[in-house]
Amino acid sequence: MYTLGIGIGILGMSYNLGGIFKKVFENRYAVLFSNFSFSIYITHMSFPLMRHSYVLPDVDYFVVVKDYIFVIPASLAFGILITLVIEEPLLSIQKKIVPQIKKYDGAENKNN
């Protein structure tokens, strides 16, 4: 049911419907935040795995807090770095190479 709602929302936005939700989700800052959050999601799992790849970690409160203090800022910084250095330049190159789809204007083909 969740994906059905998301799909209907995307379909409505592609047909230029949606009102305030469309404006919020297509806001420049919301799009930039979604790019950051995706890169952080992708890079976040590498830090705990790299940190404890050779030794089974102790399950101690202080070890968990110390790891949390290290892993969260490191994954945030690395995710933002990946977004700014790799993802954003590649997206701009893609927009120049791949033809962009025109937005739906609400009418069928006006030329016919």
PDB file of N, CA and C in Angstrom:
ATOM      1  N   MET A   1       0.819  -1.189   0.000  1.00  0.00           N
ATOM      2  CA  MET A   1       0.000   0.000   0.000  1.00  0.00           C
ATOM      3  C   MET A   1       0.871   1.264   0.000  1.00  0.00           C
ATOM      4  N   TYR A   2       1.998   1.180   0.678  1.00  0.00           N
ATOM      5  CA  TYR A   2       2.878   2.346   0.747  1.00  0.00           C
ATOM      6  C   TYR A   2       3.391   2.722  -0.637  1.00  0.00           C
ATOM      7  N   THR A   3       3.840   1.743  -1.401  1.00  0.00           N
ATOM      8  CA  THR A   3       4.382   2.040  -2.731  1.00  0.00           C
ATOM      9  C   THR A   3       3.297   2.495  -3.678  1.00  0.00           C
ATOM     10  N   LEU A   4       2.071   2.031  -3.481  1.00  0.00           N
ATOM     11  CA  LEU A   4       0.966   2.500  -4.305  1.00  0.00           C
ATOM     12  C   LEU A   4       0.745   3.997  -4.083  1.00  0.00           C
ATOM     13  N   GLY A   5       0.783   4.423  -2.841  1.00  0.00           N
ATOM     14  CA  GLY A   5       0.627   5.851  -2.540  1.00  0.00           C
ATOM     15  C   GLY A   5       1.760   6.688  -3.116  1.00  0.00           C
ATOM     16  N   ILE A   6       2.982   6.187  -3.004  1.00  0.00           N
ATOM     17  CA  ILE A   6       4.133   6.890  -3.572  1.00  0.00           C
ATOM     18  C   ILE A   6       4.000   6.966  -5.088  1.00  0.00           C
ATOM     19  N   GLY A   7       3.597   5.857  -5.719  1.00  0.00           N
ATOM     20  CA  GLY A   7       3.430   5.827  -7.170  1.00  0.00           C
ATOM     21  C   GLY A   7       2.362   6.790  -7.642  1.00  0.00           C
ATOM     22  N   ILE A   8       1.240   6.854  -6.946  1.00  0.00           N
ATOM     23  CA  ILE A   8       0.187   7.793  -7.311  1.00  0.00           C
ATOM     24  C   ILE A   8       0.670   9.226  -7.129  1.00  0.00           C
ATOM     25  N   GLY A   9       1.437   9.471  -6.089  1.00  0.00           N
ATOM     26  CA  GLY A   9       1.992  10.812  -5.884  1.00  0.00           C
ATOM     27  C   GLY A   9       2.938  11.225  -6.991  1.00  0.00           C
ATOM     28  N   ILE A  10       3.812  10.321  -7.404  1.00  0.00           N
ATOM     29  CA  ILE A  10       4.749  10.622  -8.489  1.00  0.00           C
ATOM     30  C   ILE A  10       3.999  10.825  -9.793  1.00  0.00           C
ATOM     31  N   LEU A  11       2.985  10.003 -10.053  1.00  0.00           N
ATOM     32  CA  LEU A  11       2.177  10.164 -11.257  1.00  0.00           C
ATOM     33  C   LEU A  11       1.479  11.521 -11.263  1.00  0.00           C
ATOM     34  N   GLY A  12       0.928  11.911 -10.144  1.00  0.00           N
ATOM     35  CA  GLY A  12       0.273  13.217 -10.058  1.00  0.00           C
ATOM     36  C   GLY A  12       1.239  14.365 -10.273  1.00  0.00           C
ATOM     37  N   MET A  13       2.445  14.251  -9.721  1.00  0.00           N
ATOM     38  CA  MET A  13       3.434  15.316  -9.912  1.00  0.00           C
ATOM     39  C   MET A  13       3.913  15.377 -11.354  1.00  0.00           C
ATOM     40  N   SER A  14       3.986  14.235 -12.026  1.00  0.00           N
ATOM     41  CA  SER A  14       4.415  14.252 -13.423  1.00  0.00           C
ATOM     42  C   SER A  14       3.358  14.887 -14.330  1.00  0.00           C
ATOM     43  N   TYR A  15       2.099  14.857 -13.914  1.00  0.00           N
ATOM     44  CA  TYR A  15       1.038  15.510 -14.675  1.00  0.00           C
ATOM     45  C   TYR A  15       0.770  16.918 -14.160  1.00  0.00           C
ATOM     46  N   ASN A  16       1.681  17.460 -13.399  1.00  0.00           N
ATOM     47  CA  ASN A  16       1.616  18.831 -12.890  1.00  0.00           C
ATOM     48  C   ASN A  16       0.446  19.024 -11.932  1.00  0.00           C
ATOM     49  N   LEU A  17       0.116  18.000 -11.165  1.00  0.00           N
ATOM     50  CA  LEU A  17      -0.901  18.074 -10.130  1.00  0.00           C
ATOM     51  C   LEU A  17      -0.201  17.975  -8.783  1.00  0.00           C
ATOM     52  N   GLY A  18      -0.889  18.263  -7.726  1.00  0.00           N
ATOM     53  CA  GLY A  18      -0.305  18.032  -6.417  1.00  0.00           C
ATOM     54  C   GLY A  18      -0.321  19.223  -5.500  1.00  0.00           C
ATOM     55  N   GLY A  19      -0.473  20.416  -6.025  1.00  0.00           N
ATOM     56  CA  GLY A  19      -0.588  21.600  -5.188  1.00  0.00           C
ATOM     57  C   GLY A  19       0.610  21.825  -4.296  1.00  0.00           C
ATOM     58  N   ILE A  20       0.353  21.954  -2.999  1.00  0.00           N
ATOM     59  CA  ILE A  20       1.406  22.283  -2.045  1.00  0.00           C
ATOM     60  C   ILE A  20       2.410  21.144  -1.895  1.00  0.00           C
ATOM     61  N   PHE A  21       1.945  19.890  -2.011  1.00  0.00           N
ATOM     62  CA  PHE A  21       2.867  18.763  -1.902  1.00  0.00           C
ATOM     63  C   PHE A  21       3.886  18.791  -3.034  1.00  0.00           C
ATOM     64  N   LYS A  22       3.429  19.128  -4.217  1.00  0.00           N
ATOM     65  CA  LYS A  22       4.330  19.217  -5.368  1.00  0.00           C
ATOM     66  C   LYS A  22       5.380  20.298  -5.139  1.00  0.00           C
ATOM     67  N   LYS A  23       4.944  21.433  -4.628  1.00  0.00           N
ATOM     68  CA  LYS A  23       5.881  22.534  -4.372  1.00  0.00           C
ATOM     69  C   LYS A  23       6.906  22.155  -3.306  1.00  0.00           C
ATOM     70  N   VAL A  24       6.462  21.448  -2.280  1.00  0.00           N
ATOM     71  CA  VAL A  24       7.374  21.059  -1.200  1.00  0.00           C
ATOM     72  C   VAL A  24       8.391  20.039  -1.687  1.00  0.00           C
ATOM     73  N   PHE A  25       7.931  19.021  -2.416  1.00  0.00           N
ATOM     74  CA  PHE A  25       8.837  17.955  -2.845  1.00  0.00           C
ATOM     75  C   PHE A  25       9.740  18.355  -3.992  1.00  0.00           C
ATOM     76  N   GLU A  26       9.352  19.355  -4.772  1.00  0.00           N
ATOM     77  CA  GLU A  26      10.202  19.812  -5.864  1.00  0.00           C
ATOM     78  C   GLU A  26      11.035  21.034  -5.489  1.00  0.00           C
ATOM     79  N   ASN A  27      10.989  21.412  -4.234  1.00  0.00           N
ATOM     80  CA  ASN A  27      11.809  22.513  -3.751  1.00  0.00           C
ATOM     81  C   ASN A  27      13.285  22.148  -3.912  1.00  0.00           C
ATOM     82  N   ARG A  28      14.091  23.137  -4.254  1.00  0.00           N
ATOM     83  CA  ARG A  28      15.521  22.899  -4.496  1.00  0.00           C
ATOM     84  C   ARG A  28      16.208  22.298  -3.278  1.00  0.00           C
ATOM     85  N   TYR A  29      15.861  22.787  -2.101  1.00  0.00           N
ATOM     86  CA  TYR A  29      16.486  22.292  -0.881  1.00  0.00           C
ATOM     87  C   TYR A  29      16.026  20.875  -0.550  1.00  0.00           C
ATOM     88  N   ALA A  30      14.785  20.542  -0.841  1.00  0.00           N
ATOM     89  CA  ALA A  30      14.299  19.179  -0.606  1.00  0.00           C
ATOM     90  C   ALA A  30      15.001  18.194  -1.533  1.00  0.00           C
ATOM     91  N   VAL A  31      15.219  18.590  -2.777  1.00  0.00           N
ATOM     92  CA  VAL A  31      15.928  17.719  -3.715  1.00  0.00           C
ATOM     93  C   VAL A  31      17.380  17.542  -3.276  1.00  0.00           C
ATOM     94  N   LEU A  32      18.023  18.627  -2.852  1.00  0.00           N
ATOM     95  CA  LEU A  32      19.405  18.540  -2.387  1.00  0.00           C
ATOM     96  C   LEU A  32      19.500  17.676  -1.134  1.00  0.00           C
ATOM     97  N   PHE A  33      18.554  17.826  -0.220  1.00  0.00           N
ATOM     98  CA  PHE A  33      18.541  17.000   0.987  1.00  0.00           C
ATOM     99  C   PHE A  33      18.336  15.528   0.646  1.00  0.00           C
ATOM    100  N   SER A  34      17.490  15.255  -0.348  1.00  0.00           N
ATOM    101  CA  SER A  34      17.279  13.854  -0.731  1.00  0.00           C
ATOM    102  C   SER A  34      18.553  13.262  -1.326  1.00  0.00           C
ATOM    103  N   ASN A  35      19.309  14.057  -2.085  1.00  0.00           N
ATOM    104  CA  ASN A  35      20.589  13.564  -2.605  1.00  0.00           C
ATOM    105  C   ASN A  35      21.572  13.295  -1.473  1.00  0.00           C
ATOM    106  N   PHE A  36      21.643  14.204  -0.492  1.00  0.00           N
ATOM    107  CA  PHE A  36      22.526  13.992   0.657  1.00  0.00           C
ATOM    108  C   PHE A  36      22.111  12.749   1.434  1.00  0.00           C
ATOM    109  N   SER A  37      20.818  12.608   1.680  1.00  0.00           N
ATOM    110  CA  SER A  37      20.374  11.482   2.500  1.00  0.00           C
ATOM    111  C   SER A  37      20.625  10.152   1.786  1.00  0.00           C
ATOM    112  N   PHE A  38      20.504  10.116   0.469  1.00  0.00           N
ATOM    113  CA  PHE A  38      20.790   8.874  -0.250  1.00  0.00           C
ATOM    114  C   PHE A  38      22.280   8.542  -0.173  1.00  0.00           C
ATOM    115  N   SER A  39      23.141   9.531  -0.353  1.00  0.00           N
ATOM    116  CA  SER A  39      24.579   9.271  -0.271  1.00  0.00           C
ATOM    117  C   SER A  39      24.986   8.865   1.137  1.00  0.00           C
ATOM    118  N   ILE A  40      24.393   9.481   2.129  1.00  0.00           N
ATOM    119  CA  ILE A  40      24.686   9.114   3.514  1.00  0.00           C
ATOM    120  C   ILE A  40      24.213   7.687   3.778  1.00  0.00           C
ATOM    121  N   TYR A  41      23.059   7.340   3.250  1.00  0.00           N
ATOM    122  CA  TYR A  41      22.548   5.977   3.403  1.00  0.00           C
ATOM    123  C   TYR A  41      23.510   4.965   2.773  1.00  0.00           C
ATOM    124  N   ILE A  42      24.005   5.267   1.588  1.00  0.00           N
ATOM    125  CA  ILE A  42      24.902   4.349   0.895  1.00  0.00           C
ATOM    126  C   ILE A  42      26.245   4.230   1.627  1.00  0.00           C
ATOM    127  N   THR A  43      26.782   5.344   2.106  1.00  0.00           N
ATOM    128  CA  THR A  43      28.110   5.324   2.714  1.00  0.00           C
ATOM    129  C   THR A  43      28.096   4.969   4.200  1.00  0.00           C
ATOM    130  N   HIS A  44      26.951   5.060   4.841  1.00  0.00           N
ATOM    131  CA  HIS A  44      26.916   4.868   6.296  1.00  0.00           C
ATOM    132  C   HIS A  44      27.308   3.449   6.707  1.00  0.00           C
ATOM    133  N   MET A  45      26.899   2.461   5.966  1.00  0.00           N
ATOM    134  CA  MET A  45      27.198   1.086   6.362  1.00  0.00           C
ATOM    135  C   MET A  45      28.673   0.742   6.228  1.00  0.00           C
ATOM    136  N   SER A  46      29.403   1.481   5.431  1.00  0.00           N
ATOM    137  CA  SER A  46      30.825   1.160   5.280  1.00  0.00           C
ATOM    138  C   SER A  46      31.617   1.492   6.539  1.00  0.00           C
ATOM    139  N   PHE A  47      31.241   2.521   7.272  1.00  0.00           N
ATOM    140  CA  PHE A  47      32.006   2.912   8.457  1.00  0.00           C
ATOM    141  C   PHE A  47      31.923   1.908   9.599  1.00  0.00           C
ATOM    142  N   PRO A  48      30.738   1.432  10.003  1.00  0.00           N
ATOM    143  CA  PRO A  48      30.738   0.397  11.051  1.00  0.00           C
ATOM    144  C   PRO A  48      31.404  -0.890  10.594  1.00  0.00           C
ATOM    145  N   LEU A  49      31.236  -1.239   9.310  1.00  0.00           N
ATOM    146  CA  LEU A  49      31.850  -2.475   8.836  1.00  0.00           C
ATOM    147  C   LEU A  49      33.364  -2.354   8.761  1.00  0.00           C
ATOM    148  N   MET A  50      33.877  -1.196   8.348  1.00  0.00           N
ATOM    149  CA  MET A  50      35.334  -1.016   8.305  1.00  0.00           C
ATOM    150  C   MET A  50      35.921  -0.981   9.705  1.00  0.00           C
ATOM    151  N   ARG A  51      35.190  -0.412  10.620  1.00  0.00           N
ATOM    152  CA  ARG A  51      35.707  -0.261  11.973  1.00  0.00           C
ATOM    153  C   ARG A  51      35.851  -1.607  12.677  1.00  0.00           C
ATOM    154  N   HIS A  52      34.939  -2.525  12.414  1.00  0.00           N
ATOM    155  CA  HIS A  52      34.955  -3.817  13.110  1.00  0.00           C
ATOM    156  C   HIS A  52      35.083  -4.971  12.117  1.00  0.00           C
ATOM    157  N   SER A  53      35.857  -4.797  11.091  1.00  0.00           N
ATOM    158  CA  SER A  53      35.937  -5.850  10.082  1.00  0.00           C
ATOM    159  C   SER A  53      36.869  -6.985  10.494  1.00  0.00           C
ATOM    160  N   TYR A  54      37.829  -6.731  11.344  1.00  0.00           N
ATOM    161  CA  TYR A  54      38.806  -7.761  11.703  1.00  0.00           C
ATOM    162  C   TYR A  54      38.541  -8.399  13.058  1.00  0.00           C
ATOM    163  N   VAL A  55      37.870  -7.678  13.927  1.00  0.00           N
ATOM    164  CA  VAL A  55      37.670  -8.154  15.290  1.00  0.00           C
ATOM    165  C   VAL A  55      36.185  -8.057  15.618  1.00  0.00           C
ATOM    166  N   LEU A  56      35.681  -9.049  16.297  1.00  0.00           N
ATOM    167  CA  LEU A  56      34.309  -9.004  16.773  1.00  0.00           C
ATOM    168  C   LEU A  56      34.218  -7.913  17.852  1.00  0.00           C
ATOM    169  N   PRO A  57      33.338  -6.940  17.687  1.00  0.00           N
ATOM    170  CA  PRO A  57      33.307  -5.822  18.640  1.00  0.00           C
ATOM    171  C   PRO A  57      32.748  -6.240  19.997  1.00  0.00           C
ATOM    172  N   ASP A  58      33.237  -5.586  21.014  1.00  0.00           N
ATOM    173  CA  ASP A  58      32.690  -5.776  22.354  1.00  0.00           C
ATOM    174  C   ASP A  58      31.342  -5.077  22.428  1.00  0.00           C
ATOM    175  N   VAL A  59      30.423  -5.713  23.082  1.00  0.00           N
ATOM    176  CA  VAL A  59      29.125  -5.089  23.278  1.00  0.00           C
ATOM    177  C   VAL A  59      29.139  -4.475  24.668  1.00  0.00           C
ATOM    178  N   ASP A  60      29.686  -3.313  24.744  1.00  0.00           N
ATOM    179  CA  ASP A  60      29.809  -2.578  25.989  1.00  0.00           C
ATOM    180  C   ASP A  60      29.218  -1.192  25.750  1.00  0.00           C
ATOM    181  N   TYR A  61      28.619  -0.625  26.731  1.00  0.00           N
ATOM    182  CA  TYR A  61      27.965   0.670  26.580  1.00  0.00           C
ATOM    183  C   TYR A  61      28.946   1.734  26.103  1.00  0.00           C
ATOM    184  N   PHE A  62      30.117   1.789  26.668  1.00  0.00           N
ATOM    185  CA  PHE A  62      31.080   2.825  26.313  1.00  0.00           C
ATOM    186  C   PHE A  62      31.644   2.622  24.906  1.00  0.00           C
ATOM    187  N   VAL A  63      31.804   1.385  24.494  1.00  0.00           N
ATOM    188  CA  VAL A  63      32.263   1.103  23.130  1.00  0.00           C
ATOM    189  C   VAL A  63      31.203   1.534  22.124  1.00  0.00           C
ATOM    190  N   VAL A  64      29.945   1.261  22.423  1.00  0.00           N
ATOM    191  CA  VAL A  64      28.855   1.640  21.531  1.00  0.00           C
ATOM    192  C   VAL A  64      28.765   3.162  21.429  1.00  0.00           C
ATOM    193  N   VAL A  65      28.868   3.862  22.537  1.00  0.00           N
ATOM    194  CA  VAL A  65      28.816   5.327  22.526  1.00  0.00           C
ATOM    195  C   VAL A  65      30.015   5.893  21.774  1.00  0.00           C
ATOM    196  N   LYS A  66      31.197   5.341  22.003  1.00  0.00           N
ATOM    197  CA  LYS A  66      32.395   5.812  21.307  1.00  0.00           C
ATOM    198  C   LYS A  66      32.270   5.585  19.795  1.00  0.00           C
ATOM    199  N   ASP A  67      31.779   4.422  19.406  1.00  0.00           N
ATOM    200  CA  ASP A  67      31.565   4.149  17.987  1.00  0.00           C
ATOM    201  C   ASP A  67      30.522   5.089  17.394  1.00  0.00           C
ATOM    202  N   TYR A  68      29.465   5.338  18.135  1.00  0.00           N
ATOM    203  CA  TYR A  68      28.411   6.245  17.668  1.00  0.00           C
ATOM    204  C   TYR A  68      28.970   7.649  17.468  1.00  0.00           C
ATOM    205  N   ILE A  69      29.795   8.103  18.399  1.00  0.00           N
ATOM    206  CA  ILE A  69      30.375   9.447  18.287  1.00  0.00           C
ATOM    207  C   ILE A  69      31.313   9.534  17.086  1.00  0.00           C
ATOM    208  N   PHE A  70      31.982   8.452  16.738  1.00  0.00           N
ATOM    209  CA  PHE A  70      32.872   8.462  15.574  1.00  0.00           C
ATOM    210  C   PHE A  70      32.120   8.230  14.267  1.00  0.00           C
ATOM    211  N   VAL A  71      31.239   7.246  14.246  1.00  0.00           N
ATOM    212  CA  VAL A  71      30.636   6.795  12.994  1.00  0.00           C
ATOM    213  C   VAL A  71      29.644   7.795  12.421  1.00  0.00           C
ATOM    214  N   ILE A  72      28.809   8.396  13.231  1.00  0.00           N
ATOM    215  CA  ILE A  72      27.780   9.303  12.715  1.00  0.00           C
ATOM    216  C   ILE A  72      28.397  10.528  12.043  1.00  0.00           C
ATOM    217  N   PRO A  73      29.287  11.294  12.688  1.00  0.00           N
ATOM    218  CA  PRO A  73      29.876  12.441  11.977  1.00  0.00           C
ATOM    219  C   PRO A  73      30.712  12.030  10.764  1.00  0.00           C
ATOM    220  N   ALA A  74      31.415  10.905  10.869  1.00  0.00           N
ATOM    221  CA  ALA A  74      32.232  10.465   9.733  1.00  0.00           C
ATOM    222  C   ALA A  74      31.357  10.083   8.545  1.00  0.00           C
ATOM    223  N   SER A  75      30.263   9.370   8.783  1.00  0.00           N
ATOM    224  CA  SER A  75      29.399   8.980   7.673  1.00  0.00           C
ATOM    225  C   SER A  75      28.661  10.180   7.100  1.00  0.00           C
ATOM    226  N   LEU A  76      28.262  11.125   7.937  1.00  0.00           N
ATOM    227  CA  LEU A  76      27.634  12.354   7.425  1.00  0.00           C
ATOM    228  C   LEU A  76      28.601  13.135   6.547  1.00  0.00           C
ATOM    229  N   ALA A  77      29.812  13.320   7.028  1.00  0.00           N
ATOM    230  CA  ALA A  77      30.801  14.077   6.257  1.00  0.00           C
ATOM    231  C   ALA A  77      31.151  13.361   4.958  1.00  0.00           C
ATOM    232  N   PHE A  78      31.329  12.063   5.013  1.00  0.00           N
ATOM    233  CA  PHE A  78      31.685  11.314   3.812  1.00  0.00           C
ATOM    234  C   PHE A  78      30.524  11.282   2.818  1.00  0.00           C
ATOM    235  N   GLY A  79      29.297  11.156   3.300  1.00  0.00           N
ATOM    236  CA  GLY A  79      28.127  11.177   2.422  1.00  0.00           C
ATOM    237  C   GLY A  79      27.953  12.512   1.728  1.00  0.00           C
ATOM    238  N   ILE A  80      28.145  13.604   2.464  1.00  0.00           N
ATOM    239  CA  ILE A  80      28.052  14.939   1.857  1.00  0.00           C
ATOM    240  C   ILE A  80      29.184  15.147   0.862  1.00  0.00           C
ATOM    241  N   LEU A  81      30.373  14.671   1.189  1.00  0.00           N
ATOM    242  CA  LEU A  81      31.502  14.775   0.271  1.00  0.00           C
ATOM    243  C   LEU A  81      31.235  14.000  -1.023  1.00  0.00           C
ATOM    244  N   ILE A  82      30.712  12.792  -0.907  1.00  0.00           N
ATOM    245  CA  ILE A  82      30.392  11.991  -2.093  1.00  0.00           C
ATOM    246  C   ILE A  82      29.336  12.694  -2.934  1.00  0.00           C
ATOM    247  N   THR A  83      28.346  13.297  -2.281  1.00  0.00           N
ATOM    248  CA  THR A  83      27.311  14.018  -3.026  1.00  0.00           C
ATOM    249  C   THR A  83      27.903  15.180  -3.794  1.00  0.00           C
ATOM    250  N   LEU A  84      28.724  15.990  -3.133  1.00  0.00           N
ATOM    251  CA  LEU A  84      29.253  17.191  -3.771  1.00  0.00           C
ATOM    252  C   LEU A  84      30.331  16.899  -4.800  1.00  0.00           C
ATOM    253  N   VAL A  85      31.131  15.869  -4.583  1.00  0.00           N
ATOM    254  CA  VAL A  85      32.265  15.609  -5.469  1.00  0.00           C
ATOM    255  C   VAL A  85      31.906  14.663  -6.616  1.00  0.00           C
ATOM    256  N   ILE A  86      31.033  13.691  -6.362  1.00  0.00           N
ATOM    257  CA  ILE A  86      30.747  12.686  -7.384  1.00  0.00           C
ATOM    258  C   ILE A  86      29.332  12.831  -7.951  1.00  0.00           C
ATOM    259  N   GLU A  87      28.329  12.828  -7.070  1.00  0.00           N
ATOM    260  CA  GLU A  87      26.956  12.729  -7.557  1.00  0.00           C
ATOM    261  C   GLU A  87      26.483  13.982  -8.287  1.00  0.00           C
ATOM    262  N   GLU A  88      26.684  15.156  -7.715  1.00  0.00           N
ATOM    263  CA  GLU A  88      26.211  16.391  -8.348  1.00  0.00           C
ATOM    264  C   GLU A  88      26.883  16.660  -9.700  1.00  0.00           C
ATOM    265  N   PRO A  89      28.221  16.521  -9.835  1.00  0.00           N
ATOM    266  CA  PRO A  89      28.815  16.714 -11.170  1.00  0.00           C
ATOM    267  C   PRO A  89      28.318  15.700 -12.196  1.00  0.00           C
ATOM    268  N   LEU A  90      28.138  14.439 -11.777  1.00  0.00           N
ATOM    269  CA  LEU A  90      27.639  13.441 -12.717  1.00  0.00           C
ATOM    270  C   LEU A  90      26.188  13.712 -13.114  1.00  0.00           C
ATOM    271  N   LEU A  91      25.381  14.220 -12.207  1.00  0.00           N
ATOM    272  CA  LEU A  91      24.009  14.581 -12.553  1.00  0.00           C
ATOM    273  C   LEU A  91      23.971  15.738 -13.540  1.00  0.00           C
ATOM    274  N   SER A  92      24.861  16.704 -13.380  1.00  0.00           N
ATOM    275  CA  SER A  92      24.879  17.822 -14.327  1.00  0.00           C
ATOM    276  C   SER A  92      25.353  17.362 -15.703  1.00  0.00           C
ATOM    277  N   ILE A  93      26.304  16.435 -15.756  1.00  0.00           N
ATOM    278  CA  ILE A  93      26.733  15.877 -17.046  1.00  0.00           C
ATOM    279  C   ILE A  93      25.588  15.087 -17.676  1.00  0.00           C
ATOM    280  N   GLN A  94      24.870  14.323 -16.865  1.00  0.00           N
ATOM    281  CA  GLN A  94      23.742  13.553 -17.381  1.00  0.00           C
ATOM    282  C   GLN A  94      22.671  14.479 -17.960  1.00  0.00           C
ATOM    283  N   LYS A  95      22.395  15.598 -17.298  1.00  0.00           N
ATOM    284  CA  LYS A  95      21.387  16.527 -17.802  1.00  0.00           C
ATOM    285  C   LYS A  95      21.798  17.148 -19.129  1.00  0.00           C
ATOM    286  N   LYS A  96      23.096  17.286 -19.367  1.00  0.00           N
ATOM    287  CA  LYS A  96      23.564  17.837 -20.632  1.00  0.00           C
ATOM    288  C   LYS A  96      23.525  16.798 -21.751  1.00  0.00           C
ATOM    289  N   ILE A  97      23.764  15.538 -21.426  1.00  0.00           N
ATOM    290  CA  ILE A  97      23.848  14.494 -22.450  1.00  0.00           C
ATOM    291  C   ILE A  97      22.477  13.908 -22.771  1.00  0.00           C
ATOM    292  N   VAL A  98      21.728  13.525 -21.743  1.00  0.00           N
ATOM    293  CA  VAL A  98      20.444  12.857 -21.938  1.00  0.00           C
ATOM    294  C   VAL A  98      19.373  13.904 -22.213  1.00  0.00           C
ATOM    295  N   PRO A  99      18.556  13.716 -23.257  1.00  0.00           N
ATOM    296  CA  PRO A  99      17.498  14.692 -23.529  1.00  0.00           C
ATOM    297  C   PRO A  99      16.482  14.722 -22.392  1.00  0.00           C
ATOM    298  N   GLN A 100      16.069  15.910 -22.027  1.00  0.00           N
ATOM    299  CA  GLN A 100      15.135  16.080 -20.929  1.00  0.00           C
ATOM    300  C   GLN A 100      13.702  15.950 -21.433  1.00  0.00           C
ATOM    301  N   ILE A 101      12.841  15.374 -20.626  1.00  0.00           N
ATOM    302  CA  ILE A 101      11.425  15.214 -20.965  1.00  0.00           C
ATOM    303  C   ILE A 101      10.713  16.516 -20.633  1.00  0.00           C
ATOM    304  N   LYS A 102       9.906  16.984 -21.571  1.00  0.00           N
ATOM    305  CA  LYS A 102       9.146  18.204 -21.323  1.00  0.00           C
ATOM    306  C   LYS A 102       8.036  17.916 -20.333  1.00  0.00           C
ATOM    307  N   LYS A 103       7.691  18.923 -19.532  1.00  0.00           N
ATOM    308  CA  LYS A 103       6.631  18.753 -18.547  1.00  0.00           C
ATOM    309  C   LYS A 103       5.281  18.681 -19.247  1.00  0.00           C
ATOM    310  N   TYR A 104       4.388  17.923 -18.661  1.00  0.00           N
ATOM    311  CA  TYR A 104       3.043  17.760 -19.190  1.00  0.00           C
ATOM    312  C   TYR A 104       2.287  19.058 -18.999  1.00  0.00           C
ATOM    313  N   ASP A 105       1.621  19.555 -20.046  1.00  0.00           N
ATOM    314  CA  ASP A 105       0.919  20.834 -19.955  1.00  0.00           C
ATOM    315  C   ASP A 105      -0.561  20.693 -19.730  1.00  0.00           C
ATOM    316  N   GLY A 106      -1.074  19.500 -19.537  1.00  0.00           N
ATOM    317  CA  GLY A 106      -2.484  19.317 -19.210  1.00  0.00           C
ATOM    318  C   GLY A 106      -3.355  19.028 -20.415  1.00  0.00           C
ATOM    319  N   ALA A 107      -2.859  19.142 -21.594  1.00  0.00           N
ATOM    320  CA  ALA A 107      -3.648  18.871 -22.796  1.00  0.00           C
ATOM    321  C   ALA A 107      -2.935  17.810 -23.620  1.00  0.00           C
ATOM    322  N   GLU A 108      -3.693  17.148 -24.435  1.00  0.00           N
ATOM    323  CA  GLU A 108      -3.074  16.197 -25.347  1.00  0.00           C
ATOM    324  C   GLU A 108      -2.271  16.969 -26.363  1.00  0.00           C
ATOM    325  N   ASN A 109      -1.860  16.390 -27.414  1.00  0.00           N
ATOM    326  CA  ASN A 109      -1.040  17.046 -28.423  1.00  0.00           C
ATOM    327  C   ASN A 109      -1.815  18.188 -29.067  1.00  0.00           C
ATOM    328  N   LYS A 110      -1.340  19.414 -28.904  1.00  0.00           N
ATOM    329  CA  LYS A 110      -2.043  20.597 -29.413  1.00  0.00           C
ATOM    330  C   LYS A 110      -1.863  20.761 -30.925  1.00  0.00           C
ATOM    331  N   ASN A 111      -0.840  20.146 -31.504  1.00  0.00           N
ATOM    332  CA  ASN A 111      -0.588  20.284 -32.923  1.00  0.00           C
ATOM    333  C   ASN A 111      -1.533  19.490 -33.789  1.00  0.00           C
ATOM    334  N   ASN A 112      -2.185  18.471 -33.251  1.00  0.00           N
ATOM    335  CA  ASN A 112      -3.105  17.648 -34.051  1.00  0.00           C
ATOM    336  C   ASN A 112      -4.476  18.205 -34.069  1.00  0.00           C
TER     337      ASN A 112
END
